[in-house]
PDB file of N, CA and C in Angstrom:
ATOM      1  N   UNK A   1     114.800 121.425  81.008  1.00  0.00           N
ATOM      2  CA  UNK A   1     113.219 121.931  80.438  1.00  0.00           C
ATOM      3  C   UNK A   1     112.780 123.207  81.467  1.00  0.00           C
ATOM      4  N   UNK A   2     113.369 123.584  82.650  1.00  0.00           N
ATOM      5  CA  UNK A   2     113.012 124.885  83.020  1.00  0.00           C
ATOM      6  C   UNK A   2     113.191 126.116  82.387  1.00  0.00           C
ATOM      7  N   UNK A   3     114.303 126.187  81.587  1.00  0.00           N
ATOM      8  CA  UNK A   3     114.320 127.411  80.867  1.00  0.00           C
ATOM      9  C   UNK A   3     113.483 127.344  79.714  1.00  0.00           C
ATOM     10  N   UNK A   4     112.656 126.504  79.370  1.00  0.00           N
ATOM     11  CA  UNK A   4     111.754 126.524  78.322  1.00  0.00           C
ATOM     12  C   UNK A   4     110.344 126.998  78.688  1.00  0.00           C
ATOM     13  N   UNK A   5     110.190 127.179  80.037  1.00  0.00           N
ATOM     14  CA  UNK A   5     108.857 127.221  80.602  1.00  0.00           C
ATOM     15  C   UNK A   5     108.500 128.663  80.583  1.00  0.00           C
ATOM     16  N   UNK A   6     107.180 128.871  80.328  1.00  0.00           N
ATOM     17  CA  UNK A   6     106.660 130.424  80.164  1.00  0.00           C
ATOM     18  C   UNK A   6     106.379 130.925  81.713  1.00  0.00           C
ATOM     19  N   UNK A   7     106.357 131.939  81.908  1.00  0.00           N
ATOM     20  CA  UNK A   7     106.031 132.629  83.176  1.00  0.00           C
ATOM     21  C   UNK A   7     104.746 132.012  83.650  1.00  0.00           C
ATOM     22  N   UNK A   8     103.837 132.032  82.878  1.00  0.00           N
ATOM     23  CA  UNK A   8     102.411 131.634  83.287  1.00  0.00           C
ATOM     24  C   UNK A   8     102.684 130.242  83.786  1.00  0.00           C
ATOM     25  N   UNK A   9     103.225 129.061  83.157  1.00  0.00           N
ATOM     26  CA  UNK A   9     103.409 127.697  83.354  1.00  0.00           C
ATOM     27  C   UNK A   9     104.252 127.758  84.606  1.00  0.00           C
ATOM     28  N   UNK A  10     105.145 128.737  84.979  1.00  0.00           N
ATOM     29  CA  UNK A  10     105.971 128.611  86.138  1.00  0.00           C
ATOM     30  C   UNK A  10     104.739 128.941  87.283  1.00  0.00           C
ATOM     31  N   UNK A  11     104.112 130.164  87.049  1.00  0.00           N
ATOM     32  CA  UNK A  11     103.086 130.435  88.083  1.00  0.00           C
ATOM     33  C   UNK A  11     102.054 129.146  88.284  1.00  0.00           C
ATOM     34  N   UNK A  12     101.624 128.648  87.128  1.00  0.00           N
ATOM     35  CA  UNK A  12     100.780 127.499  87.333  1.00  0.00           C
ATOM     36  C   UNK A  12     101.135 126.531  88.350  1.00  0.00           C
ATOM     37  N   UNK A  13     102.509 126.065  87.950  1.00  0.00           N
ATOM     38  CA  UNK A  13     103.138 125.019  88.555  1.00  0.00           C
ATOM     39  C   UNK A  13     103.312 125.590  90.151  1.00  0.00           C
ATOM     40  N   UNK A  14     103.701 126.810  90.498  1.00  0.00           N
ATOM     41  CA  UNK A  14     103.511 127.242  91.561  1.00  0.00           C
ATOM     42  C   UNK A  14     102.146 126.917  92.520  1.00  0.00           C
ATOM     43  N   UNK A  15     101.269 127.541  91.668  1.00  0.00           N
ATOM     44  CA  UNK A  15      99.753 127.287  92.210  1.00  0.00           C
ATOM     45  C   UNK A  15      99.243 126.008  92.351  1.00  0.00           C
ATOM     46  N   UNK A  16     100.122 124.860  91.949  1.00  0.00           N
ATOM     47  CA  UNK A  16      99.514 123.702  91.742  1.00  0.00           C
ATOM     48  C   UNK A  16      98.395 123.291  90.808  1.00  0.00           C
ATOM     49  N   UNK A  17      98.273 124.381  89.878  1.00  0.00           N
ATOM     50  CA  UNK A  17      97.229 124.389  88.710  1.00  0.00           C
ATOM     51  C   UNK A  17      97.902 123.430  87.616  1.00  0.00           C
ATOM     52  N   UNK A  18      99.274 123.211  87.672  1.00  0.00           N
ATOM     53  CA  UNK A  18      99.725 122.277  86.562  1.00  0.00           C
ATOM     54  C   UNK A  18     101.126 121.607  87.261  1.00  0.00           C
ATOM     55  N   UNK A  19     101.043 120.443  86.724  1.00  0.00           N
ATOM     56  CA  UNK A  19     101.929 119.405  87.385  1.00  0.00           C
ATOM     57  C   UNK A  19     103.260 119.354  86.375  1.00  0.00           C
ATOM     58  N   UNK A  20     104.265 119.752  87.237  1.00  0.00           N
ATOM     59  CA  UNK A  20     105.915 119.592  86.496  1.00  0.00           C
ATOM     60  C   UNK A  20     105.988 118.535  85.970  1.00  0.00           C
ATOM     61  N   UNK A  21     105.783 117.449  87.043  1.00  0.00           N
ATOM     62  CA  UNK A  21     106.044 115.956  86.451  1.00  0.00           C
ATOM     63  C   UNK A  21     105.192 115.850  85.328  1.00  0.00           C
ATOM     64  N   UNK A  22     103.896 116.030  85.098  1.00  0.00           N
ATOM     65  CA  UNK A  22     103.227 115.835  83.918  1.00  0.00           C
ATOM     66  C   UNK A  22     104.031 116.415  82.547  1.00  0.00           C
ATOM     67  N   UNK A  23     104.476 117.536  82.883  1.00  0.00           N
ATOM     68  CA  UNK A  23     105.185 118.458  81.669  1.00  0.00           C
ATOM     69  C   UNK A  23     106.402 117.405  81.343  1.00  0.00           C
ATOM     70  N   UNK A  24     107.151 116.980  82.344  1.00  0.00           N
ATOM     71  CA  UNK A  24     108.379 116.348  82.400  1.00  0.00           C
ATOM     72  C   UNK A  24     108.176 114.886  81.581  1.00  0.00           C
ATOM     73  N   UNK A  25     107.014 114.270  81.955  1.00  0.00           N
ATOM     74  CA  UNK A  25     106.350 112.864  81.497  1.00  0.00           C
ATOM     75  C   UNK A  25     106.180 113.107  80.214  1.00  0.00           C
ATOM     76  N   UNK A  26     105.445 114.425  79.625  1.00  0.00           N
ATOM     77  CA  UNK A  26     105.007 114.581  78.296  1.00  0.00           C
ATOM     78  C   UNK A  26     105.957 114.739  77.507  1.00  0.00           C
ATOM     79  N   UNK A  27     107.190 115.542  77.866  1.00  0.00           N
ATOM     80  CA  UNK A  27     108.505 115.863  77.175  1.00  0.00           C
ATOM     81  C   UNK A  27     109.249 114.524  76.792  1.00  0.00           C
ATOM     82  N   UNK A  28     109.407 113.753  77.844  1.00  0.00           N
ATOM     83  CA  UNK A  28     109.956 112.454  77.664  1.00  0.00           C
ATOM     84  C   UNK A  28     109.279 111.519  76.551  1.00  0.00           C
ATOM     85  N   UNK A  29     108.013 111.331  76.590  1.00  0.00           N
ATOM     86  CA  UNK A  29     107.296 110.433  75.837  1.00  0.00           C
ATOM     87  C   UNK A  29     107.315 111.055  74.365  1.00  0.00           C
ATOM     88  N   UNK A  30     107.380 112.347  73.969  1.00  0.00           N
ATOM     89  CA  UNK A  30     107.344 113.098  72.859  1.00  0.00           C
ATOM     90  C   UNK A  30     109.218 112.994  72.203  1.00  0.00           C
ATOM     91  N   UNK A  31     110.017 112.920  73.110  1.00  0.00           N
ATOM     92  CA  UNK A  31     111.225 113.152  72.614  1.00  0.00           C
ATOM     93  C   UNK A  31     112.334 112.376  72.637  1.00  0.00           C
ATOM     94  N   UNK A  32     111.899 111.380  73.775  1.00  0.00           N
ATOM     95  CA  UNK A  32     113.051 110.273  73.945  1.00  0.00           C
ATOM     96  C   UNK A  32     112.440 109.008  73.792  1.00  0.00           C
ATOM     97  N   UNK A  33     113.586 107.940  73.614  1.00  0.00           N
ATOM     98  CA  UNK A  33     113.041 106.511  73.501  1.00  0.00           C
ATOM     99  C   UNK A  33     114.159 105.681  74.206  1.00  0.00           C
ATOM    100  N   UNK A  34     113.916 104.626  74.351  1.00  0.00           N
ATOM    101  CA  UNK A  34     114.759 103.772  75.160  1.00  0.00           C
ATOM    102  C   UNK A  34     114.509 102.011  74.587  1.00  0.00           C
ATOM    103  N   UNK A  35     115.717 101.189  74.964  1.00  0.00           N
ATOM    104  CA  UNK A  35     115.937  99.963  74.499  1.00  0.00           C
ATOM    105  C   UNK A  35     116.097  99.147  75.718  1.00  0.00           C
ATOM    106  N   UNK A  36     115.447  97.869  75.825  1.00  0.00           N
ATOM    107  CA  UNK A  36     115.952  96.948  76.930  1.00  0.00           C
ATOM    108  C   UNK A  36     116.696  95.769  76.548  1.00  0.00           C
ATOM    109  N   UNK A  37     117.666  95.402  77.270  1.00  0.00           N
ATOM    110  CA  UNK A  37     118.477  94.456  76.710  1.00  0.00           C
ATOM    111  C   UNK A  37     118.639  93.356  77.832  1.00  0.00           C
ATOM    112  N   UNK A  38     118.373  92.166  77.636  1.00  0.00           N
ATOM    113  CA  UNK A  38     118.326  91.181  78.563  1.00  0.00           C
ATOM    114  C   UNK A  38     119.971  90.624  78.717  1.00  0.00           C
ATOM    115  N   UNK A  39     120.476  90.616  79.786  1.00  0.00           N
ATOM    116  CA  UNK A  39     121.939  90.089  80.068  1.00  0.00           C
ATOM    117  C   UNK A  39     121.833  89.217  80.924  1.00  0.00           C
ATOM    118  N   UNK A  40     123.039  88.432  80.972  1.00  0.00           N
ATOM    119  CA  UNK A  40     123.347  87.277  81.783  1.00  0.00           C
ATOM    120  C   UNK A  40     123.282  87.571  83.444  1.00  0.00           C
ATOM    121  N   UNK A  41     123.944  88.651  83.694  1.00  0.00           N
ATOM    122  CA  UNK A  41     124.185  89.081  84.922  1.00  0.00           C
ATOM    123  C   UNK A  41     124.583  90.375  85.300  1.00  0.00           C
ATOM    124  N   UNK A  42     124.844  90.858  86.450  1.00  0.00           N
ATOM    125  CA  UNK A  42     125.249  92.175  86.752  1.00  0.00           C
ATOM    126  C   UNK A  42     126.400  92.836  86.067  1.00  0.00           C
ATOM    127  N   UNK A  43     127.387  91.865  85.838  1.00  0.00           N
ATOM    128  CA  UNK A  43     128.680  92.363  85.355  1.00  0.00           C
ATOM    129  C   UNK A  43     128.649  92.466  83.923  1.00  0.00           C
ATOM    130  N   UNK A  44     127.602  91.600  83.295  1.00  0.00           N
ATOM    131  CA  UNK A  44     127.626  92.102  81.951  1.00  0.00           C
ATOM    132  C   UNK A  44     126.617  93.200  81.570  1.00  0.00           C
ATOM    133  N   UNK A  45     125.691  93.683  82.608  1.00  0.00           N
ATOM    134  CA  UNK A  45     124.919  94.570  82.546  1.00  0.00           C
ATOM    135  C   UNK A  45     125.845  95.880  82.655  1.00  0.00           C
ATOM    136  N   UNK A  46     126.930  95.815  83.348  1.00  0.00           N
ATOM    137  CA  UNK A  46     127.827  96.995  83.505  1.00  0.00           C
ATOM    138  C   UNK A  46     128.752  97.242  82.456  1.00  0.00           C
ATOM    139  N   UNK A  47     128.984  96.084  81.840  1.00  0.00           N
ATOM    140  CA  UNK A  47     129.914  96.157  80.483  1.00  0.00           C
ATOM    141  C   UNK A  47     129.257  96.577  79.512  1.00  0.00           C
ATOM    142  N   UNK A  48     127.690  96.252  79.198  1.00  0.00           N
ATOM    143  CA  UNK A  48     127.005  96.775  78.213  1.00  0.00           C
ATOM    144  C   UNK A  48     126.807  98.304  78.446  1.00  0.00           C
ATOM    145  N   UNK A  49     126.381  98.629  79.842  1.00  0.00           N
ATOM    146  CA  UNK A  49     126.586 100.200  80.082  1.00  0.00           C
ATOM    147  C   UNK A  49     127.383 100.963  79.446  1.00  0.00           C
ATOM    148  N   UNK A  50     128.539 100.542  80.050  1.00  0.00           N
ATOM    149  CA  UNK A  50     130.039 101.124  79.718  1.00  0.00           C
ATOM    150  C   UNK A  50     130.197 101.218  78.153  1.00  0.00           C
ATOM    151  N   UNK A  51     129.837 100.272  77.460  1.00  0.00           N
ATOM    152  CA  UNK A  51     129.928 100.167  75.806  1.00  0.00           C
ATOM    153  C   UNK A  51     128.963 101.445  75.294  1.00  0.00           C
ATOM    154  N   UNK A  52     127.893 101.416  75.897  1.00  0.00           N
ATOM    155  CA  UNK A  52     126.889 102.371  75.501  1.00  0.00           C
ATOM    156  C   UNK A  52     127.385 103.781  75.724  1.00  0.00           C
ATOM    157  N   UNK A  53     127.781 104.005  76.952  1.00  0.00           N
ATOM    158  CA  UNK A  53     128.034 105.569  77.416  1.00  0.00           C
ATOM    159  C   UNK A  53     129.342 105.915  76.523  1.00  0.00           C
ATOM    160  N   UNK A  54     129.980 105.054  76.137  1.00  0.00           N
ATOM    161  CA  UNK A  54     131.382 105.457  75.319  1.00  0.00           C
ATOM    162  C   UNK A  54     131.248 105.484  73.849  1.00  0.00           C
ATOM    163  N   UNK A  55     129.893 105.162  73.340  1.00  0.00           N
ATOM    164  CA  UNK A  55     129.665 105.142  72.009  1.00  0.00           C
ATOM    165  C   UNK A  55     130.440 103.903  71.085  1.00  0.00           C
ATOM    166  N   UNK A  56     130.785 102.872  71.957  1.00  0.00           N
ATOM    167  CA  UNK A  56     131.195 101.547  71.392  1.00  0.00           C
ATOM    168  C   UNK A  56     130.407 100.882  70.544  1.00  0.00           C
ATOM    169  N   UNK A  57     129.085 100.983  70.496  1.00  0.00           N
ATOM    170  CA  UNK A  57     128.257 100.440  69.704  1.00  0.00           C
ATOM    171  C   UNK A  57     127.813 101.158  68.518  1.00  0.00           C
ATOM    172  N   UNK A  58     126.985 100.825  67.406  1.00  0.00           N
ATOM    173  CA  UNK A  58     126.762 101.369  66.226  1.00  0.00           C
ATOM    174  C   UNK A  58     126.068 102.490  66.264  1.00  0.00           C
ATOM    175  N   UNK A  59     125.262 102.460  67.143  1.00  0.00           N
ATOM    176  CA  UNK A  59     124.391 103.736  67.533  1.00  0.00           C
ATOM    177  C   UNK A  59     125.129 105.032  67.694  1.00  0.00           C
ATOM    178  N   UNK A  60     126.364 104.752  68.437  1.00  0.00           N
ATOM    179  CA  UNK A  60     127.356 106.046  68.803  1.00  0.00           C
ATOM    180  C   UNK A  60     126.991 106.510  69.982  1.00  0.00           C
ATOM    181  N   UNK A  61     127.543 107.593  70.451  1.00  0.00           N
ATOM    182  CA  UNK A  61     127.133 108.020  71.726  1.00  0.00           C
ATOM    183  C   UNK A  61     125.653 108.457  72.015  1.00  0.00           C
ATOM    184  N   UNK A  62     125.229 108.123  73.331  1.00  0.00           N
ATOM    185  CA  UNK A  62     123.905 108.352  73.757  1.00  0.00           C
ATOM    186  C   UNK A  62     123.710 110.027  73.945  1.00  0.00           C
ATOM    187  N   UNK A  63     122.553 110.377  73.583  1.00  0.00           N
ATOM    188  CA  UNK A  63     122.381 111.940  73.816  1.00  0.00           C
ATOM    189  C   UNK A  63     122.206 112.106  75.398  1.00  0.00           C
ATOM    190  N   UNK A  64     121.793 111.017  76.006  1.00  0.00           N
ATOM    191  CA  UNK A  64     121.723 111.394  77.515  1.00  0.00           C
ATOM    192  C   UNK A  64     122.560 110.489  78.112  1.00  0.00           C
ATOM    193  N   UNK A  65     123.497 111.378  79.058  1.00  0.00           N
ATOM    194  CA  UNK A  65     124.252 110.514  80.139  1.00  0.00           C
ATOM    195  C   UNK A  65     125.346 109.805  79.181  1.00  0.00           C
ATOM    196  N   UNK A  66     126.093 110.415  78.469  1.00  0.00           N
ATOM    197  CA  UNK A  66     127.222 109.759  77.691  1.00  0.00           C
ATOM    198  C   UNK A  66     128.611 109.772  78.622  1.00  0.00           C
ATOM    199  N   UNK A  67     129.365 109.246  78.563  1.00  0.00           N
ATOM    200  CA  UNK A  67     130.646 109.458  79.177  1.00  0.00           C
ATOM    201  C   UNK A  67     131.303 110.261  78.914  1.00  0.00           C
ATOM    202  N   UNK A  68     131.955 111.212  79.879  1.00  0.00           N
ATOM    203  CA  UNK A  68     132.650 112.535  79.311  1.00  0.00           C
ATOM    204  C   UNK A  68     133.931 112.005  78.318  1.00  0.00           C
ATOM    205  N   UNK A  69     134.180 112.612  77.196  1.00  0.00           N
ATOM    206  CA  UNK A  69     135.250 112.259  76.392  1.00  0.00           C
ATOM    207  C   UNK A  69     136.516 111.871  77.018  1.00  0.00           C
ATOM    208  N   UNK A  70     137.043 112.860  77.990  1.00  0.00           N
ATOM    209  CA  UNK A  70     138.148 112.674  78.662  1.00  0.00           C
ATOM    210  C   UNK A  70     138.510 111.653  79.608  1.00  0.00           C
ATOM    211  N   UNK A  71     137.396 110.774  79.775  1.00  0.00           N
ATOM    212  CA  UNK A  71     137.497 109.708  80.591  1.00  0.00           C
ATOM    213  C   UNK A  71     137.082 108.210  79.962  1.00  0.00           C
ATOM    214  N   UNK A  72     136.405 108.624  78.446  1.00  0.00           N
ATOM    215  CA  UNK A  72     136.178 107.611  77.747  1.00  0.00           C
ATOM    216  C   UNK A  72     137.281 106.745  77.260  1.00  0.00           C
ATOM    217  N   UNK A  73     137.264 105.410  77.528  1.00  0.00           N
ATOM    218  CA  UNK A  73     138.414 104.400  77.094  1.00  0.00           C
ATOM    219  C   UNK A  73     137.748 103.190  76.475  1.00  0.00           C
TER     220      UNK A  73
END
């Protein structure tokens, strides 16, 4: 997100006239979504996370935080 900021936005953040956290929050709400899944235990949660990161589910690879292709199994 930093490369997208204008000089005036950077200066406003520096001067505490603009909150960087607020800009990030706004971007997240406008551009990203998430889903929750209830699982039985920690081991099941790790297995589900691995499946999501490697694109094993119908949705394919996540746009954020995918497992690198070289290590995906």
